[in-house]
Amino acid sequence: MEKLYVQDANQLIRKLPDTPGVYIFRGCVQGVSKPIRKHEILYIGKATSLRTRVASYFRRDLIATRGPIIVGMVEAAKSVDFIETDSVLEALILEAALIKKHQPIYNTKEKDNKSFNYIVITKEDFPRVITMRGREVNLRIDEVKYSFGPFPQGSVLREALSIVRKIFPFRDRCVPCKQLTTNNLQLTSKCRQCFNAQIGLCPGVCSGSITKTEYAKTIQRIKLFFEGKKKTLIVRLEREMKTAARNQNFEEAGKIKKAIFALNHIRDVALLRADFLRASAVSLHEALPVRIEAYDVAHISGTHTVGVMVVLEDNEPRKSEYRKFKIKTSTNDDNASLREILERRFNHPEWPMPKLIVVDGGKAQVNTAEKVLNECGLIIPVVGVVKDELHKPKGFLGDKALVQKHDRAILLANSEAHRFAIGYHRKLRGKLS
């Protein structure tokens, strides 16, 4: 753990690495009943880039984008500690462990602890690995064998759990085969696999393709990983791989070798997951509705600036989920406004996550959206709709396969966002004039 002091924010930011990790603000705040120590931990967070994330706390528009609680934390801060990690996923896990251990005052102020997210392993013969809110964990404590957290951002947690599931497939909602649960026997062809088993995200608990003993090993590996014991986990896996090879169980040895490689290359796993989602788009979209979110900004010479989010699911507008944003930063910069909209939107993990994001504009707008997503630890493709001088669509920026598959929905979403933004802008301007 390294420590930097806040007296000179520019110097502090220059010294921070452009790597994933956890940052810790320390300072002195007067408590209600007793003074807090001078170097008390005020706030703990995780970052894709420590330099970029910590720099965001020293922006002039902090009170508009993050609110008075975080402004108070920065004002009280005297130093920033940071711990580099090999990946964003490991930063997420370390952040949760440190929040649980230290209970920083501004983490709990920013969000009710009962609404934090937890990873839960259930008390069952074939445990499920699921996410729960803190209040739900308390209500269902008899069903919980292990819990890990708190995790402040639910959307990021779900993405992280998806990455882990690619390495160690687990059960979430599928029901185990009756023959397997009663006799612990391998299955018969009568039981059908669930969708997740068919695409390799579940080991086939529902169909009886895995025994209790084998599945217990998977759960133990997941437990070690979320306890932050990756090194211990890798040592155990290497030992199991050698044993399997010695016993000429080369298929099992090969599976373990792949898991070890994935653990040592978590960033690569995240990229592979994005490719997997694109490659499996047809089968996944048959099971789940395709949610597209489009964003646009409207203003007149930087005045009465507003932004909007519109939602399409399976090519149909979901108007009940449209959202308006009155831009708080006094600026004539469309990219800064887009950044504010996206940051505020992704501060709502309770809203469903989109499969695709559409922005109005060219490379600058696409880069802004991708940077915000990267800072939030999210992997969501972005498409930009490029306009001509008459503000008519003339092209797209982004993944060509996605554009080709969803071109009509992208244009509809962009058109809806423009219509909704102009309408909101005119309404606001009329009220203020």
Protein backbone atom coordinates (compact mmCIF):
# COMPACT_ATOMS: atom_id res chain seq x y z
CA MET A 1 0.00 0.00 0.00
CA GLU A 2 1.39 3.41 -1.01
CA LYS A 3 0.44 6.82 0.43
CA LEU A 4 0.19 10.18 -1.33
CA TYR A 5 -0.76 13.53 0.20
CA VAL A 6 -3.56 15.81 -1.01
CA GLN A 7 -1.91 19.23 -0.50
CA ASP A 8 -1.04 19.40 -4.20
CA ALA A 9 -3.78 17.56 -6.11
CA ASN A 10 -1.99 17.85 -9.48
CA GLN A 11 1.17 16.30 -8.11
CA LEU A 12 -0.83 13.54 -6.41
CA ILE A 13 -2.62 12.67 -9.66
CA ARG A 14 0.64 12.57 -11.63
CA LYS A 15 2.10 10.05 -9.17
CA LEU A 16 -0.87 7.68 -9.38
CA PRO A 17 -0.50 4.72 -11.78
CA ASP A 18 -2.78 4.27 -14.77
CA THR A 19 -3.68 0.75 -13.60
CA PRO A 20 -6.58 -0.99 -11.81
CA GLY A 21 -6.65 -0.91 -8.04
CA VAL A 22 -8.24 0.36 -4.84
CA TYR A 23 -7.90 3.91 -3.49
CA ILE A 24 -8.40 4.95 0.14
CA PHE A 25 -9.07 8.54 1.22
CA ARG A 26 -7.84 9.29 4.76
CA GLY A 27 -8.40 12.37 6.89
CA CYS A 28 -9.76 13.81 10.11
CA VAL A 29 -13.46 14.37 10.82
CA GLN A 30 -15.07 15.31 14.14
CA GLY A 31 -17.33 12.50 15.32
CA VAL A 32 -20.61 12.88 17.20
CA SER A 33 -19.38 11.38 20.47
CA LYS A 34 -15.61 11.34 20.03
CA PRO A 35 -13.03 12.69 17.59
CA ILE A 36 -11.99 10.43 14.75
CA ARG A 37 -8.26 9.77 14.42
CA LYS A 38 -6.28 12.11 12.16
CA HIS A 39 -5.67 9.46 9.52
CA GLU A 40 -9.03 7.72 9.74
CA ILE A 41 -10.23 5.96 6.58
CA LEU A 42 -12.95 8.16 5.08
CA TYR A 43 -13.78 6.42 1.81
CA ILE A 44 -12.74 3.33 -0.16
CA GLY A 45 -13.29 2.84 -3.88
CA LYS A 46 -12.07 0.77 -6.80
CA ALA A 47 -10.89 1.96 -10.18
CA THR A 48 -10.11 0.75 -13.66
CA SER A 49 -7.47 3.50 -13.73
CA LEU A 50 -6.37 4.82 -10.33
CA ARG A 51 -5.08 8.04 -11.89
CA THR A 52 -8.28 8.83 -13.82
CA ARG A 53 -10.64 7.86 -11.01
CA VAL A 54 -8.91 9.81 -8.24
CA ALA A 55 -8.54 12.81 -10.57
CA SER A 56 -12.35 12.88 -10.93
CA TYR A 57 -12.62 13.84 -7.23
CA PHE A 58 -10.75 17.09 -7.86
CA ARG A 59 -12.89 18.35 -10.75
CA ARG A 60 -14.55 21.75 -10.36
CA ASP A 61 -17.99 20.27 -11.05
CA LEU A 62 -17.70 17.62 -8.30
CA ILE A 63 -20.66 18.94 -6.30
CA ALA A 64 -22.86 18.77 -9.39
CA THR A 65 -21.82 15.27 -10.45
CA ARG A 66 -21.27 13.53 -7.12
CA GLY A 67 -23.16 15.62 -4.55
CA PRO A 68 -22.35 17.34 -1.22
CA ILE A 69 -21.47 14.16 0.72
CA ILE A 70 -18.51 13.32 -1.52
CA VAL A 71 -17.48 17.00 -1.62
CA GLY A 72 -17.33 16.94 2.19
CA MET A 73 -15.18 13.81 2.07
CA VAL A 74 -12.67 15.40 -0.33
CA GLU A 75 -12.48 18.53 1.81
CA ALA A 76 -11.70 16.41 4.90
CA ALA A 77 -9.13 14.22 3.12
CA LYS A 78 -5.43 14.63 3.89
CA SER A 79 -3.95 11.70 2.01
CA VAL A 80 -4.76 8.93 -0.47
CA ASP A 81 -3.50 5.36 -0.15
CA PHE A 82 -3.66 3.05 -3.14
CA ILE A 83 -3.18 -0.64 -3.84
CA GLU A 84 -2.59 -1.82 -7.41
CA THR A 85 -4.26 -5.04 -8.57
CA ASP A 86 -3.80 -7.28 -11.59
CA SER A 87 -7.35 -6.63 -12.82
CA VAL A 88 -10.52 -4.62 -12.24
CA LEU A 89 -12.22 -7.77 -10.99
CA GLU A 90 -9.65 -8.21 -8.23
CA ALA A 91 -9.97 -4.51 -7.38
CA LEU A 92 -13.73 -5.01 -6.98
CA ILE A 93 -13.19 -7.93 -4.58
CA LEU A 94 -10.52 -6.09 -2.57
CA GLU A 95 -12.76 -3.00 -2.32
CA ALA A 96 -15.59 -5.09 -0.84
CA ALA A 97 -13.27 -6.78 1.67
CA LEU A 98 -11.82 -3.45 2.83
CA ILE A 99 -15.25 -1.77 3.13
CA LYS A 100 -16.47 -4.70 5.22
CA LYS A 101 -13.38 -4.55 7.45
CA HIS A 102 -13.14 -0.78 8.00
CA GLN A 103 -16.76 0.48 7.53
CA PRO A 104 -15.62 3.91 6.22
CA ILE A 105 -17.85 6.76 7.29
CA TYR A 106 -18.45 8.17 3.78
CA ASN A 107 -19.13 4.80 2.17
CA THR A 108 -22.00 4.24 4.57
CA LYS A 109 -23.17 7.87 4.28
CA GLU A 110 -23.32 7.70 0.50
CA LYS A 111 -25.56 4.63 0.52
CA ASP A 112 -27.65 2.77 3.08
CA ASN A 113 -25.64 -0.34 4.00
CA LYS A 114 -28.78 -2.49 3.74
CA SER A 115 -29.02 -1.70 0.03
CA PHE A 116 -25.46 -2.81 -0.75
CA ASN A 117 -25.06 -5.90 -2.89
CA TYR A 118 -23.60 -9.22 -1.71
CA ILE A 119 -22.54 -12.43 -3.40
CA VAL A 120 -24.20 -15.33 -1.61
CA ILE A 121 -23.51 -19.07 -1.68
CA THR A 122 -26.58 -20.90 -0.43
CA LYS A 123 -26.94 -23.80 2.03
CA GLU A 124 -27.95 -26.56 -0.38
CA ASP A 125 -26.62 -29.88 -1.63
CA PHE A 126 -25.84 -28.06 -4.86
CA PRO A 127 -25.38 -24.44 -3.68
CA ARG A 128 -26.47 -21.54 -5.85
CA VAL A 129 -24.20 -18.53 -6.36
CA ILE A 130 -26.43 -15.46 -6.52
CA THR A 131 -26.52 -11.75 -5.65
CA MET A 132 -28.65 -10.30 -2.85
CA ARG A 133 -29.22 -6.93 -1.24
CA GLY A 134 -28.03 -6.55 2.34
CA ARG A 135 -31.57 -6.43 3.68
CA GLU A 136 -32.42 -9.68 1.87
CA VAL A 137 -29.32 -11.41 3.26
CA ASN A 138 -30.48 -10.48 6.78
CA LEU A 139 -34.00 -11.79 6.12
CA ARG A 140 -32.81 -15.07 4.59
CA ILE A 141 -29.76 -15.69 6.79
CA ASP A 142 -30.77 -19.33 7.39
CA GLU A 143 -30.38 -19.99 3.65
CA VAL A 144 -26.93 -18.38 3.40
CA LYS A 145 -23.77 -20.47 3.79
CA TYR A 146 -21.25 -17.80 2.72
CA SER A 147 -21.64 -14.13 1.80
CA PHE A 148 -19.10 -11.75 0.27
CA GLY A 149 -19.41 -7.99 0.19
CA PRO A 150 -20.62 -5.32 0.43
CA PHE A 151 -20.30 -4.31 -3.22
CA PRO A 152 -21.48 -0.71 -3.80
CA GLN A 153 -22.26 -1.08 -7.53
CA GLY A 154 -24.68 -3.82 -8.44
CA SER A 155 -24.20 -3.54 -12.21
CA VAL A 156 -20.42 -3.92 -11.93
CA LEU A 157 -20.87 -6.86 -9.57
CA ARG A 158 -23.08 -8.68 -12.06
CA GLU A 159 -20.49 -8.17 -14.78
CA ALA A 160 -17.77 -9.49 -12.43
CA LEU A 161 -19.83 -12.54 -11.52
CA SER A 162 -20.32 -13.25 -15.22
CA ILE A 163 -16.53 -13.30 -15.68
CA VAL A 164 -16.08 -15.67 -12.72
CA ARG A 165 -18.82 -17.92 -14.10
CA LYS A 166 -16.88 -18.34 -17.33
CA ILE A 167 -13.94 -19.69 -15.29
CA PHE A 168 -15.94 -21.72 -12.75
CA PRO A 169 -19.46 -22.53 -14.07
CA PHE A 170 -22.00 -22.60 -11.24
CA ARG A 171 -25.69 -23.07 -10.56
CA ASP A 172 -27.92 -20.05 -10.04
CA ARG A 173 -31.60 -20.92 -10.52
CA CYS A 174 -31.77 -24.31 -12.25
CA VAL A 175 -33.27 -27.20 -10.25
CA PRO A 176 -31.08 -30.31 -9.72
CA CYS A 177 -32.19 -33.62 -11.21
CA LYS A 178 -34.12 -35.66 -8.59
CA GLN A 179 -32.09 -38.78 -9.32
CA LEU A 180 -28.87 -36.84 -8.64
CA THR A 181 -30.01 -35.25 -5.38
CA THR A 182 -31.30 -38.52 -3.91
CA ASN A 183 -28.71 -41.01 -5.11
CA ASN A 184 -25.74 -38.83 -6.07
CA LEU A 185 -25.60 -40.69 -9.39
CA GLN A 186 -24.67 -39.50 -12.86
CA LEU A 187 -27.57 -38.68 -15.06
CA THR A 188 -29.70 -40.37 -17.41
CA SER A 189 -30.60 -38.88 -20.70
CA LYS A 190 -34.17 -38.20 -19.49
CA CYS A 191 -33.23 -34.91 -17.80
CA ARG A 192 -32.78 -31.92 -20.11
CA GLN A 193 -30.10 -29.31 -19.59
CA CYS A 194 -31.04 -25.72 -18.80
CA PHE A 195 -30.06 -22.89 -21.15
CA ASN A 196 -27.02 -21.89 -19.04
CA ALA A 197 -25.72 -25.47 -19.12
CA GLN A 198 -26.08 -25.54 -22.89
CA ILE A 199 -23.87 -22.44 -23.28
CA GLY A 200 -21.32 -23.56 -20.67
CA LEU A 201 -22.25 -21.27 -17.76
CA CYS A 202 -23.62 -24.08 -15.54
CA PRO A 203 -21.94 -27.47 -15.02
CA GLY A 204 -25.24 -29.27 -15.64
CA VAL A 205 -26.57 -29.55 -12.10
CA CYS A 206 -30.11 -29.52 -13.51
CA SER A 207 -29.42 -32.52 -15.75
CA GLY A 208 -27.25 -34.49 -13.35
CA SER A 209 -24.05 -34.02 -15.34
CA ILE A 210 -22.00 -33.35 -12.20
CA THR A 211 -21.87 -35.04 -8.78
CA LYS A 212 -22.09 -33.37 -5.38
CA THR A 213 -18.40 -34.05 -4.75
CA GLU A 214 -17.30 -32.51 -8.04
CA TYR A 215 -19.58 -29.52 -7.61
CA ALA A 216 -18.32 -28.96 -4.05
CA LYS A 217 -14.83 -28.44 -5.51
CA THR A 218 -16.16 -25.70 -7.78
CA ILE A 219 -17.87 -23.96 -4.85
CA GLN A 220 -14.67 -24.12 -2.80
CA ARG A 221 -12.75 -22.51 -5.67
CA ILE A 222 -15.30 -19.71 -5.98
CA LYS A 223 -15.17 -19.17 -2.21
CA LEU A 224 -11.38 -18.82 -2.23
CA PHE A 225 -11.53 -16.38 -5.13
CA PHE A 226 -14.06 -14.08 -3.47
CA GLU A 227 -12.08 -14.20 -0.23
CA GLY A 228 -9.25 -12.60 -2.21
CA LYS A 229 -7.08 -15.74 -1.99
CA LYS A 230 -6.23 -16.03 -5.67
CA LYS A 231 -2.65 -17.17 -5.04
CA THR A 232 -3.82 -19.95 -2.70
CA LEU A 233 -6.43 -20.98 -5.26
CA ILE A 234 -3.88 -21.19 -8.07
CA VAL A 235 -1.50 -23.28 -5.93
CA ARG A 236 -4.34 -25.74 -5.19
CA LEU A 237 -5.38 -25.91 -8.81
CA GLU A 238 -1.81 -26.60 -9.93
CA ARG A 239 -1.62 -29.44 -7.42
CA GLU A 240 -4.96 -30.86 -8.64
CA MET A 241 -3.83 -30.55 -12.27
CA LYS A 242 -0.65 -32.56 -11.58
CA THR A 243 -2.66 -35.23 -9.75
CA ALA A 244 -5.14 -35.50 -12.63
CA ALA A 245 -2.31 -35.79 -15.16
CA ARG A 246 -0.56 -38.42 -13.04
CA ASN A 247 -3.79 -40.43 -12.99
CA GLN A 248 -4.03 -40.00 -16.79
CA ASN A 249 -7.22 -37.97 -16.42
CA PHE A 250 -6.07 -35.61 -19.15
CA GLU A 251 -9.49 -34.07 -19.80
CA GLU A 252 -9.75 -32.88 -16.18
CA ALA A 253 -6.13 -31.72 -16.21
CA GLY A 254 -6.88 -29.68 -19.34
CA LYS A 255 -9.91 -28.02 -17.74
CA ILE A 256 -7.88 -27.04 -14.67
CA LYS A 257 -5.06 -25.71 -16.85
CA LYS A 258 -7.54 -23.44 -18.65
CA ALA A 259 -8.89 -22.18 -15.30
CA ILE A 260 -5.35 -21.38 -14.08
CA PHE A 261 -4.62 -19.48 -17.30
CA ALA A 262 -7.87 -17.51 -16.99
CA LEU A 263 -7.13 -16.57 -13.36
CA ASN A 264 -3.68 -15.34 -14.38
CA HIS A 265 -5.14 -13.31 -17.24
CA ILE A 266 -8.34 -11.84 -15.81
CA ARG A 267 -8.22 -8.86 -18.20
CA ASP A 268 -8.06 -11.26 -21.12
CA VAL A 269 -11.06 -13.11 -19.69
CA ALA A 270 -13.04 -9.86 -19.65
CA LEU A 271 -12.21 -9.29 -23.33
CA LEU A 272 -13.06 -12.89 -24.16
CA ARG A 273 -16.39 -12.43 -22.40
CA ALA A 274 -17.22 -9.45 -24.60
CA ASP A 275 -16.35 -11.52 -27.69
CA PHE A 276 -18.44 -14.40 -26.32
CA LEU A 277 -21.45 -12.12 -25.93
CA ARG A 278 -21.11 -10.92 -29.52
CA ALA A 279 -20.60 -14.43 -30.86
CA SER A 280 -23.56 -15.76 -28.88
CA ALA A 281 -25.80 -12.79 -29.63
CA VAL A 282 -28.37 -14.79 -31.54
CA SER A 283 -28.89 -17.51 -28.92
CA LEU A 284 -28.74 -15.10 -25.98
CA HIS A 285 -31.14 -12.65 -27.55
CA GLU A 286 -33.64 -15.43 -28.17
CA ALA A 287 -33.76 -15.96 -24.39
CA LEU A 288 -33.53 -12.34 -23.19
CA PRO A 289 -34.98 -9.07 -24.50
CA VAL A 290 -32.41 -6.84 -26.24
CA ARG A 291 -32.26 -3.56 -24.30
CA ILE A 292 -30.86 -0.57 -26.19
CA GLU A 293 -30.33 2.79 -24.49
CA ALA A 294 -29.86 5.98 -26.53
CA TYR A 295 -28.68 9.35 -25.23
CA ASP A 296 -28.90 12.89 -26.58
CA VAL A 297 -28.24 16.46 -25.42
CA ALA A 298 -30.22 19.60 -26.28
CA HIS A 299 -29.45 23.30 -25.61
CA ILE A 300 -29.25 26.75 -27.19
CA SER A 301 -25.72 28.17 -27.04
CA GLY A 302 -25.09 26.31 -23.81
CA THR A 303 -28.24 27.55 -22.04
CA HIS A 304 -31.09 25.40 -20.68
CA THR A 305 -28.95 22.31 -21.37
CA VAL A 306 -30.74 19.01 -20.91
CA GLY A 307 -30.05 15.37 -21.63
CA VAL A 308 -32.20 12.30 -22.04
CA MET A 309 -32.08 8.53 -22.03
CA VAL A 310 -34.55 6.48 -24.06
CA VAL A 311 -34.99 2.71 -23.96
CA LEU A 312 -35.89 0.15 -26.60
CA GLU A 313 -36.51 -3.50 -25.79
CA ASP A 314 -36.85 -5.89 -28.73
CA ASN A 315 -37.15 -2.87 -31.06
CA GLU A 316 -40.08 -1.38 -29.11
CA PRO A 317 -39.87 1.91 -27.16
CA ARG A 318 -40.30 1.50 -23.39
CA LYS A 319 -41.51 5.01 -22.60
CA SER A 320 -42.03 4.28 -18.90
CA GLU A 321 -38.25 3.86 -18.66
CA TYR A 322 -37.28 7.09 -20.45
CA ARG A 323 -35.32 9.47 -18.22
CA LYS A 324 -34.65 13.23 -18.25
CA PHE A 325 -31.49 14.92 -16.94
CA LYS A 326 -31.22 18.63 -16.26
CA ILE A 327 -27.51 19.27 -16.83
CA LYS A 328 -25.97 20.68 -13.65
CA THR A 329 -22.64 21.77 -15.09
CA SER A 330 -22.62 25.24 -16.67
CA THR A 331 -21.03 24.33 -20.00
CA ASN A 332 -21.42 24.51 -23.76
CA ASP A 333 -19.54 21.22 -24.14
CA ASP A 334 -21.74 18.38 -25.44
CA ASN A 335 -19.15 15.78 -24.45
CA ALA A 336 -19.05 17.04 -20.86
CA SER A 337 -22.85 16.94 -20.78
CA LEU A 338 -22.88 13.39 -22.16
CA ARG A 339 -20.34 12.35 -19.51
CA GLU A 340 -22.53 13.80 -16.75
CA ILE A 341 -25.62 11.99 -18.07
CA LEU A 342 -23.86 8.63 -18.25
CA GLU A 343 -22.24 9.00 -14.82
CA ARG A 344 -25.60 9.83 -13.27
CA ARG A 345 -27.31 7.00 -15.14
CA PHE A 346 -24.79 4.38 -13.96
CA ASN A 347 -25.20 5.57 -10.38
CA HIS A 348 -28.52 3.67 -10.61
CA PRO A 349 -27.55 -0.03 -10.48
CA GLU A 350 -31.22 -0.87 -9.88
CA TRP A 351 -31.99 0.09 -13.51
CA PRO A 352 -31.53 -2.84 -15.95
CA MET A 353 -28.24 -2.84 -17.84
CA PRO A 354 -28.37 -2.28 -21.63
CA LYS A 355 -26.91 -4.64 -24.24
CA LEU A 356 -26.06 -1.67 -26.46
CA ILE A 357 -25.61 2.10 -26.01
CA VAL A 358 -26.35 4.59 -28.80
CA VAL A 359 -24.97 8.15 -28.75
CA ASP A 360 -25.67 11.02 -31.11
CA GLY A 361 -22.39 12.09 -32.70
CA GLY A 362 -19.03 10.93 -33.93
CA LYS A 363 -15.76 9.66 -32.53
CA ALA A 364 -15.59 12.19 -29.67
CA GLN A 365 -18.99 11.16 -28.29
CA VAL A 366 -18.24 7.44 -28.68
CA ASN A 367 -14.89 7.92 -26.90
CA THR A 368 -16.57 9.81 -24.05
CA ALA A 369 -19.15 7.05 -23.55
CA GLU A 370 -16.53 4.30 -23.70
CA LYS A 371 -14.34 6.13 -21.17
CA VAL A 372 -17.21 6.44 -18.67
CA LEU A 373 -18.06 2.76 -19.11
CA ASN A 374 -14.41 1.83 -18.61
CA GLU A 375 -14.25 3.89 -15.40
CA CYS A 376 -17.39 2.14 -14.16
CA GLY A 377 -15.91 -1.28 -14.97
CA LEU A 378 -18.65 -2.03 -17.53
CA ILE A 379 -18.33 -3.88 -20.85
CA ILE A 380 -21.13 -2.53 -23.08
CA PRO A 381 -20.69 -1.82 -26.81
CA VAL A 382 -21.26 1.77 -27.97
CA VAL A 383 -22.52 2.89 -31.39
CA GLY A 384 -22.37 6.49 -32.60
CA VAL A 385 -24.87 7.85 -35.14
CA VAL A 386 -23.04 10.35 -37.35
CA LYS A 387 -25.16 13.17 -38.85
CA ASP A 388 -24.78 15.40 -41.92
CA GLU A 389 -25.17 19.19 -42.01
CA LEU A 390 -28.97 18.77 -42.03
CA HIS A 391 -28.76 16.56 -38.94
CA LYS A 392 -29.72 13.48 -40.92
CA PRO A 393 -28.01 10.13 -40.18
CA LYS A 394 -25.21 9.41 -42.65
CA GLY A 395 -23.28 6.62 -40.96
CA PHE A 396 -22.41 4.63 -37.84
CA LEU A 397 -19.37 4.23 -35.63
CA GLY A 398 -18.95 1.01 -33.67
CA ASP A 399 -19.05 -2.75 -34.05
CA LYS A 400 -20.07 -3.47 -37.65
CA ALA A 401 -21.75 -6.78 -36.81
CA LEU A 402 -23.90 -5.13 -34.12
CA VAL A 403 -24.79 -2.23 -36.43
CA GLN A 404 -25.79 -4.61 -39.21
CA LYS A 405 -27.93 -6.68 -36.83
CA HIS A 406 -29.63 -3.75 -35.05
CA ASP A 407 -29.45 -0.89 -37.61
CA ARG A 408 -33.20 -0.16 -37.57
CA ALA A 409 -33.39 -0.26 -33.77
CA ILE A 410 -30.32 2.01 -33.53
CA LEU A 411 -31.88 4.59 -35.85
CA LEU A 412 -35.22 4.40 -34.02
CA ALA A 413 -33.52 4.81 -30.63
CA ASN A 414 -31.47 7.76 -31.90
CA SER A 415 -34.56 9.41 -33.39
CA GLU A 416 -36.53 8.89 -30.18
CA ALA A 417 -33.70 10.36 -28.09
CA HIS A 418 -33.52 13.45 -30.32
CA ARG A 419 -37.31 13.93 -30.21
CA PHE A 420 -37.46 13.46 -26.44
CA ALA A 421 -34.49 15.78 -25.80
CA ILE A 422 -35.90 18.60 -27.98
CA GLY A 423 -39.31 18.27 -26.32
CA TYR A 424 -37.83 18.44 -22.83
CA HIS A 425 -35.58 21.38 -23.78
CA ARG A 426 -38.51 23.38 -25.19
CA LYS A 427 -40.65 22.64 -22.15
CA LEU A 428 -37.90 23.74 -19.75
CA ARG A 429 -37.10 26.83 -21.78
CA GLY A 430 -40.80 27.77 -21.83
CA LYS A 431 -41.04 27.50 -18.04
CA LEU A 432 -37.95 29.64 -17.46
CA SER A 433 -38.68 32.32 -20.06
